[in-house]
Protein backbone atom coordinates (compact mmCIF):
# COMPACT_ATOMS: atom_id res chain seq x y z
CA MET A 1 -17.75 10.12 18.10
CA SER A 2 -19.79 12.55 20.17
CA TRP A 3 -20.97 16.11 20.63
CA ASP A 4 -18.70 16.41 23.70
CA GLU A 5 -21.81 16.96 25.79
CA ASP A 6 -19.89 17.35 29.04
CA GLY A 7 -16.98 19.28 27.56
CA THR A 8 -16.11 22.87 28.22
CA PRO A 9 -15.88 25.66 25.66
CA HIS A 10 -12.56 26.90 24.35
CA PRO A 11 -10.81 28.87 27.13
CA LEU A 12 -10.84 32.09 25.07
CA ALA A 13 -14.63 32.04 25.23
CA LEU A 14 -14.63 32.11 29.02
CA ARG A 15 -13.51 35.75 29.06
CA ARG A 16 -16.81 36.94 27.59
CA THR A 17 -20.35 36.50 28.79
CA GLY A 18 -23.78 37.84 28.05
CA ARG A 19 -25.76 38.23 24.88
CA SER A 20 -24.17 40.17 22.04
CA GLU A 21 -25.93 41.96 19.21
CA LEU A 22 -23.17 40.78 16.91
CA GLU A 23 -23.68 38.01 14.37
CA PRO A 24 -21.83 34.74 15.12
CA ASP A 25 -18.90 35.40 12.77
CA ARG A 26 -18.34 38.86 14.28
CA LEU A 27 -18.01 37.78 17.91
CA PRO A 28 -14.59 38.79 19.29
CA GLU A 29 -13.89 35.28 20.57
CA MET A 30 -14.69 33.83 17.12
CA ARG A 31 -12.25 36.25 15.49
CA GLU A 32 -9.56 35.50 18.08
CA LEU A 33 -9.88 31.76 17.43
CA GLU A 34 -9.77 32.27 13.67
CA VAL A 35 -6.39 33.98 14.08
CA LEU A 36 -5.24 30.81 15.90
CA GLY A 37 -6.24 28.58 12.97
CA TRP A 38 -9.78 27.63 13.95
CA GLU A 39 -12.57 27.99 11.38
CA PRO A 40 -16.33 28.02 11.93
CA ALA A 41 -17.97 24.71 11.11
CA PRO A 42 -19.93 25.02 7.86
CA GLU A 43 -23.58 25.93 8.27
CA ASP A 44 -24.67 24.07 5.12
CA LEU A 45 -27.12 21.31 6.12
CA ARG A 46 -25.14 18.67 4.22
CA TRP A 47 -22.33 19.12 6.77
CA VAL A 48 -24.61 19.12 9.83
CA PHE A 49 -22.85 16.03 11.24
CA LEU A 50 -19.31 17.33 10.79
CA PRO A 51 -18.51 18.46 14.37
CA TYR A 52 -19.80 15.10 15.63
CA VAL A 53 -17.29 13.08 13.57
CA TRP A 54 -14.42 15.61 13.58
CA PRO A 55 -11.31 14.51 15.50
CA PRO A 56 -11.80 15.81 19.07
CA ALA A 57 -8.32 17.37 19.26
CA ASP A 58 -9.18 19.54 16.26
CA ARG A 59 -12.63 20.75 17.22
CA THR A 60 -13.85 23.14 19.84
CA TRP A 61 -16.88 25.26 20.58
CA ILE A 62 -17.84 28.54 22.13
CA PRO A 63 -21.16 29.53 23.66
CA ASP A 64 -23.44 31.11 21.08
CA ARG A 65 -24.08 34.51 22.57
CA SER A 66 -24.75 36.07 19.16
CA THR A 67 -27.93 37.49 17.73
CA HIS A 68 -29.40 36.10 14.53
CA TRP A 69 -31.06 38.87 12.56
CA ALA A 70 -34.09 39.00 10.30
CA VAL A 71 -33.74 41.71 7.65
CA ASP A 72 -36.82 43.07 5.87
CA THR A 73 -36.21 45.21 2.80
CA ALA A 74 -38.93 47.35 1.23
CA LEU A 75 -38.75 48.15 -2.49
CA ASP A 76 -40.61 50.68 -4.61
CA GLY A 77 -42.18 49.87 -7.97
CA HIS A 78 -38.83 50.33 -9.71
CA GLY A 79 -36.90 47.93 -7.50
CA HIS A 80 -35.20 50.66 -5.48
CA ILE A 81 -34.75 50.08 -1.78
CA THR A 82 -37.01 52.38 0.20
CA GLY A 83 -36.40 50.97 3.66
CA VAL A 84 -34.62 48.31 5.63
CA GLU A 85 -35.59 47.00 9.06
CA CYS A 86 -33.51 44.64 11.16
CA ALA A 87 -34.86 42.73 14.11
CA PRO A 88 -33.59 39.80 16.13
CA LEU A 89 -34.87 36.52 14.72
CA PRO A 90 -37.79 35.40 16.88
CA GLU A 91 -37.29 32.34 19.10
CA PRO A 92 -39.74 30.18 17.08
CA ASP A 93 -37.68 30.83 13.93
CA LEU A 94 -34.49 29.87 15.76
CA ARG A 95 -36.16 26.65 16.92
CA ASP A 96 -37.16 25.94 13.31
CA LEU A 97 -33.51 26.18 12.27
CA ASP A 98 -32.52 23.76 15.04
CA ARG A 99 -35.38 21.40 14.16
CA GLU A 100 -34.22 21.11 10.54
CA ALA A 101 -30.70 20.18 11.69
CA ASP A 102 -32.03 17.77 14.33
CA GLU A 103 -34.22 16.02 11.75
CA ALA A 104 -31.25 15.57 9.43
CA LEU A 105 -29.15 14.20 12.29
CA ALA A 106 -31.93 11.85 13.42
CA ALA A 107 -32.18 10.48 9.87
CA LEU A 108 -28.47 9.60 10.19
CA GLY A 109 -28.99 7.94 13.57
CA LEU A 110 -27.14 10.71 15.41
CA PRO A 111 -28.31 12.58 18.52
CA PRO A 112 -29.29 16.26 18.27
CA ARG A 113 -26.61 18.89 18.69
CA PRO A 114 -26.27 20.49 22.11
CA ARG A 115 -28.00 23.88 22.03
CA GLY A 116 -26.19 27.17 22.27
CA ARG A 117 -22.86 26.22 20.71
CA LEU A 118 -20.85 27.59 17.82
CA TRP A 119 -18.50 24.91 16.54
CA LEU A 120 -14.99 25.59 15.27
CA LEU A 121 -12.77 23.13 13.46
CA ARG A 122 -9.10 22.98 12.52
CA PRO A 123 -8.06 21.32 9.28
CA VAL A 124 -6.45 17.90 9.72
CA GLY A 125 -3.90 16.06 7.63
CA PRO A 126 -2.10 17.98 4.90
CA PHE A 127 -4.91 20.51 4.47
CA THR A 128 -4.33 24.13 5.47
CA THR A 129 -7.95 25.29 5.26
CA LEU A 130 -11.29 23.81 6.12
CA GLY A 131 -12.48 24.58 2.59
CA ALA A 132 -9.68 22.51 1.08
CA LEU A 133 -10.54 19.58 3.34
CA LEU A 134 -14.25 19.81 2.50
CA ASP A 135 -13.35 19.88 -1.21
CA HIS A 136 -11.28 16.75 -0.62
CA LEU A 137 -14.27 15.01 1.02
CA ASP A 138 -16.48 16.09 -1.89
CA GLY A 139 -13.92 14.65 -4.32
CA LEU A 140 -13.83 11.34 -2.47
CA ALA A 141 -17.62 11.23 -2.50
CA ALA A 142 -17.74 11.89 -6.23
CA ALA A 143 -15.07 9.25 -6.93
CA GLY A 144 -17.02 6.71 -4.87
CA ALA A 145 -20.40 7.67 -6.36
CA VAL A 146 -21.60 8.82 -2.94
CA ALA A 147 -24.01 11.76 -2.94
CA ALA A 148 -22.53 14.68 -0.98
CA ARG A 149 -25.60 15.15 1.21
CA PRO A 150 -26.60 14.06 4.69
CA SER A 151 -26.74 10.30 4.21
CA GLU A 152 -25.34 7.28 5.98
CA ALA A 153 -22.90 6.69 3.11
CA PHE A 154 -21.61 10.29 3.15
CA LEU A 155 -21.36 10.23 6.96
CA ALA A 156 -19.36 6.97 6.85
CA LEU A 157 -17.05 8.33 4.15
CA ALA A 158 -16.37 11.53 6.11
CA ARG A 159 -15.91 9.69 9.42
CA THR A 160 -13.43 7.21 7.90
CA GLU A 161 -11.41 9.82 6.02
CA LEU A 162 -11.21 12.23 8.95
CA ALA A 163 -10.01 9.44 11.24
CA ALA A 164 -7.34 8.47 8.70
CA LEU A 165 -6.20 12.07 8.26
CA ALA A 166 -5.99 12.65 12.01
CA ALA A 167 -4.11 9.41 12.74
CA PRO A 168 -0.42 9.85 13.46
CA GLU A 169 1.78 8.60 10.67
CA GLU A 170 3.00 5.08 11.24
CA ARG A 171 6.76 4.73 10.99
């Protein structure tokens, strides 16, 4: 298991460089990979470890050249929107997001994620979508009385099941 620290991004990502004002899910390379069966790794903190334990043949990453936006909405006394301002999320706020993930990973005994990556995963085993596979992991956790949150027990359950699903069938 690793973050593939020395690995290279998916080849489709190499055609594009530079910062984009698009959000991560709107990047052209993200959309191209989704057409090929890749799905963005979930952003929910309970899945923060997922790319680390995902079978290497079914995970990839692209450089994060997106912009994360802060949206401020002004309302009048009646709850009607009177103005909306969008601005790139300041660097300290981005570091806060990374720190929260790094703290959760450290509590699991895992190293921090490499910076500047957007992870994509392909479903393994009989599952056709990432959502279906995550539901399966949630079901296994519930059946085993394991809380579906970042914990050593949930990490071990996910790691074991993903390895089993990715293993070639024995004949």
